[in-house]
């Protein structure tokens, strides 16, 4: 089975139980890692997600190069990603939306926290006039989610 078919089957199973809420976990059939989706709600067209997590089987050899590849490759989100920071000493890279979405005083952006063995993608919202931010869910169609997951696993 392909990752796409497994993911679409798991999403269909999620829809049938607890209104599509909760954590969905699956192993990549190509043995690149484990995908964990934190679902807020899932329906026949798509999902609202709180977080996407990839646990890699083989650690990334070059974190800086991998961060740049993700910034170039991940195209299924509302905003393009850019490398925001790379801390080689701590082995952490941070990618964020190149141009955050603005609605009045609110701004929203995607963020990827990348380590050699793990990737976490989430969306944040903050205000132009106040400090602080809060994590918010984001929506993707099932097809966009499959493409995004493939981009994140490669």
N, C-alpha and C. Protein backbone atom coordinates (compact mmCIF):
# COMPACT_ATOMS: atom_id res chain seq x y z
N UNK A 1 0.83 -1.19 0.00
CA UNK A 1 0.00 0.00 0.00
C UNK A 1 0.87 1.25 0.00
N UNK A 2 0.36 2.30 -0.59
CA UNK A 2 1.08 3.57 -0.62
C UNK A 2 0.74 4.39 0.61
N UNK A 3 1.57 5.36 0.90
CA UNK A 3 1.29 6.27 2.00
C UNK A 3 -0.05 6.97 1.78
N UNK A 4 -0.31 7.39 0.55
CA UNK A 4 -1.56 8.07 0.23
C UNK A 4 -2.76 7.19 0.57
N UNK A 5 -2.76 5.94 0.14
CA UNK A 5 -3.91 5.07 0.41
C UNK A 5 -4.07 4.79 1.90
N UNK A 6 -2.95 4.60 2.60
CA UNK A 6 -3.04 4.35 4.04
C UNK A 6 -3.58 5.58 4.76
N UNK A 7 -3.06 6.76 4.41
CA UNK A 7 -3.50 8.00 5.06
C UNK A 7 -4.98 8.26 4.79
N UNK A 8 -5.42 8.11 3.56
CA UNK A 8 -6.84 8.34 3.23
C UNK A 8 -7.74 7.34 3.95
N UNK A 9 -7.29 6.08 4.08
CA UNK A 9 -8.07 5.08 4.83
C UNK A 9 -8.15 5.45 6.30
N UNK A 10 -7.02 5.87 6.88
CA UNK A 10 -7.01 6.27 8.30
C UNK A 10 -7.90 7.49 8.54
N UNK A 11 -7.91 8.43 7.60
CA UNK A 11 -8.78 9.60 7.74
C UNK A 11 -10.24 9.18 7.68
N UNK A 12 -10.58 8.25 6.81
CA UNK A 12 -11.96 7.74 6.74
C UNK A 12 -12.34 7.06 8.05
N UNK A 13 -11.43 6.29 8.63
CA UNK A 13 -11.68 5.66 9.92
C UNK A 13 -11.86 6.71 11.01
N UNK A 14 -11.08 7.77 10.95
CA UNK A 14 -11.18 8.84 11.95
C UNK A 14 -12.54 9.53 11.86
N UNK A 15 -13.06 9.68 10.65
CA UNK A 15 -14.38 10.31 10.48
C UNK A 15 -15.48 9.50 11.13
N UNK A 16 -15.33 8.19 11.14
CA UNK A 16 -16.39 7.33 11.67
C UNK A 16 -16.40 7.26 13.20
N UNK A 17 -15.35 7.73 13.85
CA UNK A 17 -15.28 7.66 15.30
C UNK A 17 -15.00 9.01 15.92
N UNK A 18 -15.71 9.34 16.99
CA UNK A 18 -15.52 10.57 17.75
C UNK A 18 -15.49 11.82 16.87
N UNK A 19 -16.29 11.84 15.83
CA UNK A 19 -16.41 12.99 14.92
C UNK A 19 -15.06 13.42 14.35
N UNK A 20 -14.15 12.45 14.16
CA UNK A 20 -12.89 12.77 13.51
C UNK A 20 -11.90 13.50 14.39
N UNK A 21 -12.04 13.41 15.69
CA UNK A 21 -11.13 14.11 16.59
C UNK A 21 -10.07 13.17 17.14
N UNK A 22 -8.95 13.74 17.56
CA UNK A 22 -7.94 12.97 18.25
C UNK A 22 -6.65 12.83 17.47
N UNK A 23 -5.82 11.92 17.94
CA UNK A 23 -4.51 11.71 17.31
C UNK A 23 -4.60 10.52 16.38
N UNK A 24 -4.00 10.71 15.23
CA UNK A 24 -3.93 9.65 14.23
C UNK A 24 -2.45 9.40 13.97
N UNK A 25 -2.03 8.16 14.08
CA UNK A 25 -0.62 7.83 13.90
C UNK A 25 -0.50 6.72 12.88
N UNK A 26 0.48 6.84 11.98
CA UNK A 26 0.73 5.76 11.01
C UNK A 26 2.19 5.74 10.61
N UNK A 27 2.65 4.54 10.34
CA UNK A 27 4.03 4.35 9.88
C UNK A 27 4.06 4.46 8.36
N UNK A 28 5.06 5.15 7.86
CA UNK A 28 5.25 5.28 6.43
C UNK A 28 5.66 3.92 5.86
N UNK A 29 4.96 3.44 4.81
CA UNK A 29 5.34 2.14 4.24
C UNK A 29 6.73 2.14 3.62
N UNK A 30 7.28 3.31 3.30
CA UNK A 30 8.63 3.41 2.77
C UNK A 30 9.68 3.54 3.88
N UNK A 31 9.23 3.37 5.11
CA UNK A 31 10.10 3.33 6.29
C UNK A 31 10.91 4.61 6.52
N UNK A 32 10.32 5.76 6.13
CA UNK A 32 11.01 7.03 6.37
C UNK A 32 10.71 7.56 7.77
N UNK A 33 9.59 7.13 8.35
CA UNK A 33 9.26 7.60 9.68
C UNK A 33 7.81 7.33 10.05
N UNK A 34 7.41 7.93 11.15
CA UNK A 34 6.04 7.82 11.65
C UNK A 34 5.38 9.19 11.57
N UNK A 35 4.16 9.21 11.07
CA UNK A 35 3.37 10.43 10.95
C UNK A 35 2.37 10.45 12.09
N UNK A 36 2.27 11.59 12.78
CA UNK A 36 1.28 11.77 13.84
C UNK A 36 0.50 13.05 13.52
N UNK A 37 -0.81 12.90 13.36
CA UNK A 37 -1.68 14.05 13.11
C UNK A 37 -2.52 14.30 14.34
N UNK A 38 -2.57 15.53 14.80
CA UNK A 38 -3.44 15.92 15.89
C UNK A 38 -4.67 16.59 15.25
N UNK A 39 -5.75 15.83 15.13
CA UNK A 39 -6.94 16.26 14.41
C UNK A 39 -7.93 16.97 15.34
N UNK A 40 -8.39 18.11 14.90
CA UNK A 40 -9.49 18.79 15.59
C UNK A 40 -10.81 18.24 15.07
N UNK A 41 -10.91 18.16 13.75
CA UNK A 41 -12.10 17.60 13.12
C UNK A 41 -11.71 17.13 11.72
N UNK A 42 -12.39 16.10 11.26
CA UNK A 42 -12.10 15.52 9.95
C UNK A 42 -13.43 15.21 9.27
N UNK A 43 -13.57 15.58 8.00
CA UNK A 43 -14.77 15.22 7.24
C UNK A 43 -14.37 14.66 5.88
N UNK A 44 -15.32 14.47 5.00
CA UNK A 44 -15.02 13.82 3.72
C UNK A 44 -14.11 14.65 2.83
N UNK A 45 -14.08 15.97 3.00
CA UNK A 45 -13.25 16.82 2.15
C UNK A 45 -11.88 17.14 2.73
N UNK A 46 -11.80 17.25 4.04
CA UNK A 46 -10.54 17.66 4.64
C UNK A 46 -10.55 17.59 6.14
N UNK A 47 -9.55 18.25 6.73
CA UNK A 47 -9.34 18.21 8.17
C UNK A 47 -8.97 19.59 8.70
N UNK A 48 -9.27 19.80 9.98
CA UNK A 48 -8.68 20.89 10.74
C UNK A 48 -7.70 20.21 11.69
N UNK A 49 -6.45 20.66 11.62
CA UNK A 49 -5.38 20.03 12.39
C UNK A 49 -4.81 21.02 13.39
N UNK A 50 -4.38 20.49 14.53
CA UNK A 50 -3.66 21.30 15.50
C UNK A 50 -2.16 21.20 15.26
N UNK A 51 -1.73 20.01 14.79
CA UNK A 51 -0.29 19.80 14.62
C UNK A 51 -0.05 18.60 13.71
N UNK A 52 1.03 18.66 12.97
CA UNK A 52 1.54 17.52 12.21
C UNK A 52 2.94 17.24 12.73
N UNK A 53 3.20 15.99 13.04
CA UNK A 53 4.50 15.60 13.56
C UNK A 53 5.05 14.44 12.73
N UNK A 54 6.32 14.51 12.41
CA UNK A 54 7.03 13.44 11.72
C UNK A 54 8.17 12.99 12.63
N UNK A 55 8.20 11.72 12.95
CA UNK A 55 9.29 11.13 13.72
C UNK A 55 10.12 10.32 12.73
N UNK A 56 11.30 10.79 12.41
CA UNK A 56 12.13 10.18 11.38
C UNK A 56 12.82 8.91 11.90
N UNK A 57 12.90 7.91 11.05
CA UNK A 57 13.62 6.68 11.41
C UNK A 57 15.12 6.90 11.35
N UNK A 58 15.57 7.61 10.33
CA UNK A 58 16.99 7.94 10.17
C UNK A 58 17.16 9.44 10.40
N UNK A 59 18.00 9.84 11.35
CA UNK A 59 18.19 11.27 11.60
C UNK A 59 18.74 11.99 10.37
N UNK A 60 18.38 13.24 10.24
CA UNK A 60 18.90 14.08 9.17
C UNK A 60 20.40 14.29 9.39
N UNK A 61 21.19 14.13 8.35
CA UNK A 61 22.64 14.28 8.47
C UNK A 61 23.04 15.75 8.54
N UNK A 62 22.36 16.60 7.79
CA UNK A 62 22.72 18.02 7.71
C UNK A 62 21.46 18.85 7.93
N UNK A 63 21.30 19.34 9.15
CA UNK A 63 20.09 20.05 9.53
C UNK A 63 19.89 21.32 8.70
N UNK A 64 20.93 22.08 8.47
CA UNK A 64 20.81 23.33 7.72
C UNK A 64 20.35 23.07 6.29
N UNK A 65 20.93 22.09 5.63
CA UNK A 65 20.51 21.76 4.26
C UNK A 65 19.08 21.25 4.24
N UNK A 66 18.72 20.43 5.22
CA UNK A 66 17.36 19.91 5.29
C UNK A 66 16.36 21.05 5.48
N UNK A 67 16.67 22.01 6.32
CA UNK A 67 15.77 23.15 6.55
C UNK A 67 15.55 23.93 5.26
N UNK A 68 16.62 24.15 4.51
CA UNK A 68 16.49 24.86 3.23
C UNK A 68 15.67 24.06 2.22
N UNK A 69 15.85 22.73 2.22
CA UNK A 69 15.06 21.88 1.31
C UNK A 69 13.58 21.95 1.66
N UNK A 70 13.26 21.91 2.94
CA UNK A 70 11.85 22.02 3.35
C UNK A 70 11.26 23.36 2.92
N UNK A 71 12.02 24.42 3.09
CA UNK A 71 11.54 25.75 2.69
C UNK A 71 11.24 25.79 1.19
N UNK A 72 12.04 25.11 0.40
CA UNK A 72 11.84 25.08 -1.05
C UNK A 72 10.73 24.12 -1.47
N UNK A 73 10.61 22.99 -0.78
CA UNK A 73 9.74 21.90 -1.22
C UNK A 73 8.30 22.02 -0.75
N UNK A 74 8.08 22.49 0.47
CA UNK A 74 6.73 22.51 1.03
C UNK A 74 5.94 23.65 0.39
N UNK A 75 4.97 23.27 -0.44
CA UNK A 75 4.21 24.27 -1.20
C UNK A 75 2.70 24.19 -0.96
N UNK A 76 2.25 23.27 -0.14
CA UNK A 76 0.81 23.07 0.03
C UNK A 76 0.16 23.89 1.13
N UNK A 77 0.87 24.83 1.71
CA UNK A 77 0.33 25.66 2.78
C UNK A 77 -0.12 27.01 2.23
N UNK A 78 -0.83 27.77 3.02
CA UNK A 78 -1.31 29.08 2.58
C UNK A 78 -0.18 30.05 2.29
N UNK A 79 0.91 29.94 3.03
CA UNK A 79 2.06 30.82 2.84
C UNK A 79 3.30 29.99 2.59
N UNK A 80 4.21 30.53 1.82
CA UNK A 80 5.51 29.88 1.61
C UNK A 80 6.31 29.93 2.91
N UNK A 81 7.18 28.94 3.08
CA UNK A 81 8.02 28.90 4.27
C UNK A 81 9.42 29.43 3.97
N UNK A 82 10.03 29.97 5.00
CA UNK A 82 11.42 30.42 4.90
C UNK A 82 12.16 29.98 6.17
N UNK A 83 13.45 29.76 6.04
CA UNK A 83 14.26 29.40 7.20
C UNK A 83 14.41 30.66 8.06
N UNK A 84 13.95 30.57 9.29
CA UNK A 84 13.98 31.71 10.20
C UNK A 84 15.25 31.69 11.07
N UNK A 85 15.63 30.48 11.51
CA UNK A 85 16.79 30.37 12.40
C UNK A 85 17.31 28.94 12.37
N UNK A 86 18.61 28.79 12.45
CA UNK A 86 19.24 27.48 12.58
C UNK A 86 20.23 27.57 13.73
N UNK A 87 20.03 26.73 14.73
CA UNK A 87 20.93 26.67 15.88
C UNK A 87 21.65 25.33 15.80
N UNK A 88 22.83 25.33 15.21
CA UNK A 88 23.59 24.10 15.01
C UNK A 88 23.98 23.48 16.35
N UNK A 89 24.32 24.30 17.33
CA UNK A 89 24.71 23.79 18.64
C UNK A 89 23.59 22.99 19.31
N UNK A 90 22.39 23.50 19.24
CA UNK A 90 21.23 22.80 19.84
C UNK A 90 20.59 21.82 18.87
N UNK A 91 21.04 21.84 17.60
CA UNK A 91 20.49 20.98 16.55
C UNK A 91 18.98 21.20 16.37
N UNK A 92 18.63 22.49 16.19
CA UNK A 92 17.23 22.89 15.98
C UNK A 92 17.18 23.92 14.86
N UNK A 93 16.23 23.74 13.96
CA UNK A 93 15.98 24.74 12.91
C UNK A 93 14.53 25.18 13.03
N UNK A 94 14.29 26.44 12.73
CA UNK A 94 12.96 27.02 12.79
C UNK A 94 12.61 27.61 11.43
N UNK A 95 11.51 27.16 10.86
CA UNK A 95 11.00 27.70 9.61
C UNK A 95 9.66 28.36 9.91
N UNK A 96 9.40 29.46 9.25
CA UNK A 96 8.12 30.16 9.43
C UNK A 96 7.60 30.65 8.09
N UNK A 97 6.32 31.02 8.11
CA UNK A 97 5.72 31.61 6.91
C UNK A 97 6.54 32.82 6.49
N UNK A 98 6.79 32.91 5.21
CA UNK A 98 7.54 34.03 4.65
C UNK A 98 6.78 35.34 4.87
N UNK A 99 5.51 35.34 4.53
CA UNK A 99 4.65 36.50 4.72
C UNK A 99 3.41 36.05 5.48
N UNK A 100 3.32 36.31 6.79
CA UNK A 100 2.15 35.86 7.56
C UNK A 100 0.85 36.45 7.02
N UNK A 101 -0.22 35.70 7.20
CA UNK A 101 -1.54 36.17 6.80
C UNK A 101 -2.00 37.22 7.81
N UNK A 102 -2.51 38.33 7.31
CA UNK A 102 -2.97 39.41 8.19
C UNK A 102 -4.47 39.61 8.03
N UNK A 103 -5.16 39.72 9.16
CA UNK A 103 -6.59 40.04 9.20
C UNK A 103 -6.76 41.10 10.29
N UNK A 104 -6.85 42.33 9.86
CA UNK A 104 -6.92 43.42 10.84
C UNK A 104 -5.63 43.48 11.62
N UNK A 105 -5.73 43.43 12.95
CA UNK A 105 -4.56 43.46 13.81
C UNK A 105 -3.95 42.07 14.03
N UNK A 106 -4.67 41.03 13.62
CA UNK A 106 -4.19 39.66 13.84
C UNK A 106 -3.29 39.21 12.69
N UNK A 107 -2.28 38.44 13.03
CA UNK A 107 -1.42 37.80 12.03
C UNK A 107 -1.34 36.31 12.37
N UNK A 108 -1.30 35.49 11.32
CA UNK A 108 -1.21 34.04 11.51
C UNK A 108 -0.09 33.51 10.61
N UNK A 109 0.63 32.53 11.11
CA UNK A 109 1.74 31.98 10.34
C UNK A 109 1.97 30.52 10.72
N UNK A 110 2.53 29.78 9.77
CA UNK A 110 2.94 28.41 10.01
C UNK A 110 4.34 28.41 10.60
N UNK A 111 4.62 27.37 11.37
CA UNK A 111 5.95 27.23 11.94
C UNK A 111 6.33 25.75 11.94
N UNK A 112 7.53 25.48 11.47
CA UNK A 112 8.10 24.14 11.56
C UNK A 112 9.29 24.20 12.51
N UNK A 113 9.26 23.33 13.50
CA UNK A 113 10.38 23.14 14.40
C UNK A 113 11.03 21.82 13.98
N UNK A 114 12.28 21.90 13.55
CA UNK A 114 12.96 20.76 12.95
C UNK A 114 14.20 20.39 13.76
N UNK A 115 14.30 19.12 14.12
CA UNK A 115 15.51 18.56 14.72
C UNK A 115 15.95 17.41 13.81
N UNK A 116 17.11 16.83 14.03
CA UNK A 116 17.52 15.73 13.16
C UNK A 116 16.54 14.55 13.12
N UNK A 117 15.80 14.33 14.20
CA UNK A 117 14.92 13.16 14.24
C UNK A 117 13.42 13.49 14.29
N UNK A 118 13.06 14.76 14.34
CA UNK A 118 11.64 15.11 14.49
C UNK A 118 11.31 16.42 13.78
N UNK A 119 10.09 16.50 13.29
CA UNK A 119 9.56 17.71 12.66
C UNK A 119 8.18 17.95 13.25
N UNK A 120 7.90 19.18 13.66
CA UNK A 120 6.56 19.57 14.12
C UNK A 120 6.11 20.78 13.34
N UNK A 121 4.92 20.68 12.76
CA UNK A 121 4.31 21.78 12.02
C UNK A 121 3.06 22.20 12.74
N UNK A 122 2.94 23.50 12.99
CA UNK A 122 1.72 24.03 13.60
C UNK A 122 1.49 25.45 13.08
N UNK A 123 0.38 26.03 13.45
CA UNK A 123 0.03 27.39 13.04
C UNK A 123 -0.15 28.23 14.29
N UNK A 124 0.35 29.46 14.23
CA UNK A 124 0.29 30.38 15.36
C UNK A 124 -0.44 31.65 14.95
N UNK A 125 -1.06 32.29 15.92
CA UNK A 125 -1.73 33.57 15.69
C UNK A 125 -1.32 34.53 16.79
N UNK A 126 -1.07 35.76 16.37
CA UNK A 126 -0.70 36.81 17.31
C UNK A 126 -1.28 38.12 16.86
N UNK A 127 -0.93 39.17 17.57
CA UNK A 127 -1.43 40.50 17.25
C UNK A 127 -0.26 41.41 16.91
N UNK A 128 -0.50 42.33 16.02
CA UNK A 128 0.53 43.31 15.68
C UNK A 128 0.81 44.25 16.86
N UNK A 129 -0.17 44.42 17.74
CA UNK A 129 -0.08 45.42 18.81
C UNK A 129 0.16 44.84 20.19
N UNK A 130 0.26 43.52 20.30
CA UNK A 130 0.44 42.93 21.63
C UNK A 130 1.45 41.79 21.52
N UNK A 131 2.14 41.54 22.61
CA UNK A 131 3.09 40.43 22.61
C UNK A 131 2.34 39.13 22.86
N UNK A 132 2.99 38.05 22.55
CA UNK A 132 2.40 36.74 22.78
C UNK A 132 1.76 36.19 21.52
N UNK A 133 1.50 34.90 21.58
CA UNK A 133 0.87 34.22 20.47
C UNK A 133 0.12 33.02 21.02
N UNK A 134 -0.78 32.46 20.20
CA UNK A 134 -1.49 31.25 20.60
C UNK A 134 -1.53 30.30 19.41
N UNK A 135 -1.47 29.02 19.71
CA UNK A 135 -1.54 28.03 18.65
C UNK A 135 -2.98 27.92 18.18
N UNK A 136 -3.18 27.86 16.86
CA UNK A 136 -4.51 27.73 16.28
C UNK A 136 -4.51 26.57 15.30
N UNK A 137 -5.68 26.03 15.05
CA UNK A 137 -5.78 24.93 14.09
C UNK A 137 -5.77 25.48 12.67
N UNK A 138 -5.50 24.61 11.71
CA UNK A 138 -5.48 25.01 10.30
C UNK A 138 -6.15 23.92 9.48
N UNK A 139 -6.73 24.33 8.36
CA UNK A 139 -7.50 23.41 7.53
C UNK A 139 -6.72 23.03 6.27
N UNK A 140 -6.85 21.77 5.90
CA UNK A 140 -6.29 21.26 4.65
C UNK A 140 -7.27 20.27 4.04
N UNK A 141 -7.39 20.30 2.73
CA UNK A 141 -8.16 19.24 2.08
C UNK A 141 -7.38 17.94 2.23
N UNK A 142 -8.06 16.82 2.05
CA UNK A 142 -7.38 15.53 2.16
C UNK A 142 -6.25 15.42 1.14
N UNK A 143 -6.48 15.90 -0.08
CA UNK A 143 -5.45 15.83 -1.11
C UNK A 143 -4.25 16.71 -0.76
N UNK A 144 -4.51 17.91 -0.25
CA UNK A 144 -3.42 18.80 0.16
C UNK A 144 -2.64 18.20 1.33
N UNK A 145 -3.34 17.53 2.24
CA UNK A 145 -2.68 16.89 3.37
C UNK A 145 -1.75 15.77 2.90
N UNK A 146 -2.21 14.95 1.96
CA UNK A 146 -1.37 13.87 1.43
C UNK A 146 -0.10 14.45 0.80
N UNK A 147 -0.25 15.51 -0.01
CA UNK A 147 0.91 16.12 -0.65
C UNK A 147 1.86 16.71 0.39
N UNK A 148 1.30 17.40 1.37
CA UNK A 148 2.12 18.00 2.43
C UNK A 148 2.92 16.92 3.18
N UNK A 149 2.25 15.83 3.53
CA UNK A 149 2.92 14.76 4.26
C UNK A 149 4.06 14.17 3.42
N UNK A 150 3.83 13.98 2.14
CA UNK A 150 4.90 13.49 1.26
C UNK A 150 6.07 14.49 1.24
N UNK A 151 5.76 15.78 1.15
CA UNK A 151 6.81 16.80 1.17
C UNK A 151 7.60 16.76 2.48
N UNK A 152 6.91 16.54 3.58
CA UNK A 152 7.57 16.55 4.89
C UNK A 152 8.39 15.28 5.15
N UNK A 153 8.00 14.19 4.52
CA UNK A 153 8.73 12.93 4.72
C UNK A 153 9.95 12.80 3.83
N UNK A 154 10.02 13.57 2.76
CA UNK A 154 11.16 13.46 1.84
C UNK A 154 12.31 14.33 2.26
